[in-house]
Every structure is written in C-alpha cells, then in structure tokens.
Amino acid sequence: MRISTKGRYALRVMIDLARNGKDTYTKLQELSAREQISEKYLEGILGTLVRGKLLEGARGKGGGYRLKVDPRECSVWRILSLMENSVAPVSCLDTKINLCPRAKTCVTLPVWTELDTMIRDYLDGVKLDQFTRNTPNSEGKIPEDKNWNCGL
C-alpha cells in the first residue's frame, strides 16, 4: 500500500482547516501558501473533499473552504478512502467481493486480509482532532502526550 501525494495533501489540508479555520472559511490561496501545494493541484483535491461532504465551499467575498465534519469524528481512513483508488495491501482486496480465481485456495490471503483489517482499523481510529492537540517540534517529532494516541 502506498498513499499518493493526493491522499497525503488531502490529509494535510484537512488538518490545516481543523487547526486554523474550523468555523470560518479559508481561501484557497491561504491553504496553498501554508501547505505549499500549488493552487491548481489543490483545487482538484478540495473539489473531491467537497463532493465527499468533508468540506464545504463558498464563493465570493469571505468565501473559501471550511470543514463540514466534526474533527473528533472524521478519521484519516475516511479522508484517504475518499482520495485513493485503493488502500488495500494487495489488488485482490480492492473490491468487496474478491474476484481472484485463486481466492478459495490462496494460502497467503488470510495474511493480506488481516493486514487490510489492521490498516483500516488503525486509520479509522486516528481522528483529525488528534492532530490539533500536538504539533511537531523543530526536529519533526511529535512530543509524547497522553492525548496523542495514534502514534504518528
């Protein structure tokens, strides 16, 4: 499993909005500058997040983007599953029904299925608000904190 730039940037934008503008609209240009993501690329990411009902956008003066979800309830899994074609560790788990002709006899399938479950469960347990409580220090490390339980 490899998370794309699109997925990583979407997570960064959601964290940025959770930290800086939960109740107010933030302009695309501000997000672009803070997160160092080109405006054109960011437009596509924001569009997907709006269509996925994680953000809402408003046009005109005072417009921009803001969270449509509660950061305490929005998981990293929800964001990545919206942005990525798949986050499954192997292609045979990309769909709900395993279409692999070897699925019934595959001796490795239980390993991949359990790994897939562990990844989903872990990412579903990491909520946006966890990123708002702690920030990386100058060395890029997250300080130990009893509230920070996602291990990132």
Protein backbone atom coordinates (compact mmCIF):
# COMPACT_ATOMS: atom_id res chain seq x y z
CA MET A 1 0.00 0.00 0.00
CA ARG A 2 1.31 3.39 -0.94
CA ILE A 3 -0.59 6.59 -0.21
CA SER A 4 -0.43 9.03 -3.13
CA THR A 5 0.52 12.68 -2.98
CA LYS A 6 -3.16 13.47 -3.45
CA GLY A 7 -4.08 11.50 -0.32
CA ARG A 8 -1.26 12.97 1.75
CA TYR A 9 -2.08 16.52 0.66
CA ALA A 10 -5.79 15.99 1.39
CA LEU A 11 -4.92 14.90 4.91
CA ARG A 12 -2.66 17.93 5.39
CA VAL A 13 -5.41 20.29 4.19
CA MET A 14 -7.99 18.71 6.49
CA ILE A 15 -5.58 19.04 9.43
CA ASP A 16 -4.83 22.64 8.47
CA LEU A 17 -8.52 23.51 8.43
CA ALA A 18 -9.10 21.68 11.71
CA ARG A 19 -6.29 23.71 13.30
CA ASN A 20 -6.88 27.09 11.68
CA GLY A 21 -10.40 27.52 10.46
CA LYS A 22 -13.00 25.13 11.82
CA ASP A 23 -15.79 27.68 11.73
CA THR A 24 -14.51 30.21 9.22
CA TYR A 25 -13.87 29.94 5.52
CA THR A 26 -10.23 29.78 4.44
CA LYS A 27 -9.25 30.94 0.98
CA LEU A 28 -7.63 28.55 -1.46
CA GLN A 29 -4.62 30.88 -1.73
CA GLU A 30 -4.07 30.76 2.06
CA LEU A 31 -4.24 26.97 2.14
CA SER A 32 -1.92 26.77 -0.84
CA ALA A 33 0.65 29.03 0.81
CA ARG A 34 0.50 27.40 4.25
CA GLU A 35 0.70 23.85 2.92
CA GLN A 36 3.00 24.65 -0.03
CA ILE A 37 0.69 22.97 -2.53
CA SER A 38 0.10 24.52 -5.95
CA GLU A 39 -3.29 26.19 -6.27
CA LYS A 40 -4.18 24.22 -9.38
CA TYR A 41 -3.44 20.84 -7.75
CA LEU A 42 -5.16 21.94 -4.55
CA GLU A 43 -8.33 22.89 -6.43
CA GLY A 44 -8.80 19.27 -7.51
CA ILE A 45 -8.20 17.95 -4.01
CA LEU A 46 -10.63 20.45 -2.49
CA GLY A 47 -13.25 19.57 -5.11
CA THR A 48 -13.04 15.90 -4.16
CA LEU A 49 -13.28 16.75 -0.45
CA VAL A 50 -16.35 18.92 -1.12
CA ARG A 51 -18.02 16.20 -3.22
CA GLY A 52 -17.22 13.73 -0.45
CA LYS A 53 -19.02 16.01 2.04
CA LEU A 54 -15.93 16.57 4.20
CA LEU A 55 -15.64 20.25 3.28
CA GLU A 56 -17.97 22.98 2.17
CA GLY A 57 -17.04 25.76 -0.15
CA ALA A 58 -18.41 29.27 -0.56
CA ARG A 59 -17.79 31.70 -3.39
CA GLY A 60 -17.35 35.44 -3.25
CA LYS A 61 -16.06 37.81 -0.62
CA GLY A 62 -15.46 35.94 2.62
CA GLY A 63 -15.63 32.65 0.75
CA GLY A 64 -13.27 29.73 0.75
CA TYR A 65 -13.38 26.30 2.36
CA ARG A 66 -14.21 25.00 5.82
CA LEU A 67 -14.76 21.68 7.50
CA LYS A 68 -18.19 20.17 7.18
CA VAL A 69 -17.36 17.39 9.63
CA ASP A 70 -16.50 17.31 13.32
CA PRO A 71 -12.71 16.82 13.68
CA ARG A 72 -13.39 14.47 16.63
CA GLU A 73 -15.34 12.15 14.32
CA CYS A 74 -13.51 12.45 10.99
CA SER A 75 -10.90 9.73 10.60
CA VAL A 76 -7.79 9.52 8.47
CA TRP A 77 -9.39 6.42 6.92
CA ARG A 78 -12.39 8.44 5.76
CA ILE A 79 -10.14 11.00 4.08
CA LEU A 80 -7.77 8.52 2.44
CA SER A 81 -10.52 6.17 1.25
CA LEU A 82 -12.15 9.15 -0.46
CA MET A 83 -8.92 10.27 -2.13
CA GLU A 84 -7.27 6.96 -3.04
CA ASN A 85 -8.42 4.42 -5.61
CA SER A 86 -7.47 1.75 -3.10
CA VAL A 87 -5.61 1.44 0.16
CA ALA A 88 -5.67 -2.35 0.13
CA PRO A 89 -2.29 -4.07 0.57
CA VAL A 90 -2.95 -6.38 -2.42
CA SER A 91 -5.11 -5.95 -5.52
CA CYS A 92 -7.40 -8.88 -4.77
CA LEU A 93 -8.77 -6.92 -1.79
CA ASP A 94 -9.55 -3.80 -3.85
CA THR A 95 -13.22 -4.79 -4.15
CA LYS A 96 -15.74 -6.03 -1.58
CA ILE A 97 -16.01 -9.34 -3.39
CA ASN A 98 -12.64 -10.98 -4.04
CA LEU A 99 -12.60 -11.72 -7.77
CA CYS A 100 -9.28 -13.56 -7.75
CA PRO A 101 -9.68 -17.05 -9.22
CA ARG A 102 -7.29 -18.37 -6.54
CA ALA A 103 -9.11 -16.78 -3.59
CA LYS A 104 -10.52 -20.08 -2.28
CA THR A 105 -7.15 -21.82 -2.35
CA CYS A 106 -4.74 -18.95 -1.69
CA VAL A 107 -2.64 -19.73 1.35
CA THR A 108 -1.50 -16.11 1.73
CA LEU A 109 -4.94 -14.48 1.54
CA PRO A 110 -5.54 -14.63 5.33
CA VAL A 111 -2.35 -12.64 5.93
CA TRP A 112 -3.37 -9.92 3.46
CA THR A 113 -6.93 -9.85 4.77
CA GLU A 114 -5.76 -9.42 8.35
CA LEU A 115 -3.25 -6.74 7.33
CA ASP A 116 -6.01 -4.91 5.43
CA THR A 117 -8.25 -5.03 8.52
CA MET A 118 -5.43 -3.77 10.76
CA ILE A 119 -4.70 -0.85 8.43
CA ARG A 120 -8.37 0.11 8.18
CA ASP A 121 -8.95 -0.19 11.91
CA TYR A 122 -5.85 1.82 12.75
CA LEU A 123 -6.55 4.63 10.28
CA ASP A 124 -10.20 4.71 11.29
CA GLY A 125 -9.12 5.22 14.90
CA VAL A 126 -6.98 8.27 14.09
CA LYS A 127 -9.19 11.36 14.16
CA LEU A 128 -8.44 14.86 12.85
CA ASP A 129 -8.66 16.43 16.27
CA GLN A 130 -5.64 14.39 17.39
CA PHE A 131 -3.51 16.48 15.04
CA THR A 132 -4.79 19.71 16.54
CA ARG A 133 -3.58 18.88 20.04
CA ASN A 134 0.07 18.28 19.22
CA THR A 135 2.39 19.73 16.61
CA PRO A 136 5.80 18.53 15.50
CA ASN A 137 8.82 20.14 17.12
CA SER A 138 11.71 21.63 15.13
CA GLU A 139 13.10 18.12 14.54
CA GLY A 140 9.78 16.97 13.06
CA LYS A 141 8.99 14.73 16.05
CA ILE A 142 5.67 14.62 17.85
CA PRO A 143 6.11 15.09 21.62
CA GLU A 144 4.83 12.36 23.91
CA ASP A 145 1.36 13.25 25.13
CA LYS A 146 -1.36 11.19 26.74
CA ASN A 147 -3.89 12.70 24.34
CA TRP A 148 -1.88 11.73 21.29
CA ASN A 149 -2.73 8.08 20.85
CA CYS A 150 -2.37 7.49 17.14
CA GLY A 151 1.39 7.06 17.15
CA LEU A 152 2.06 9.49 14.31
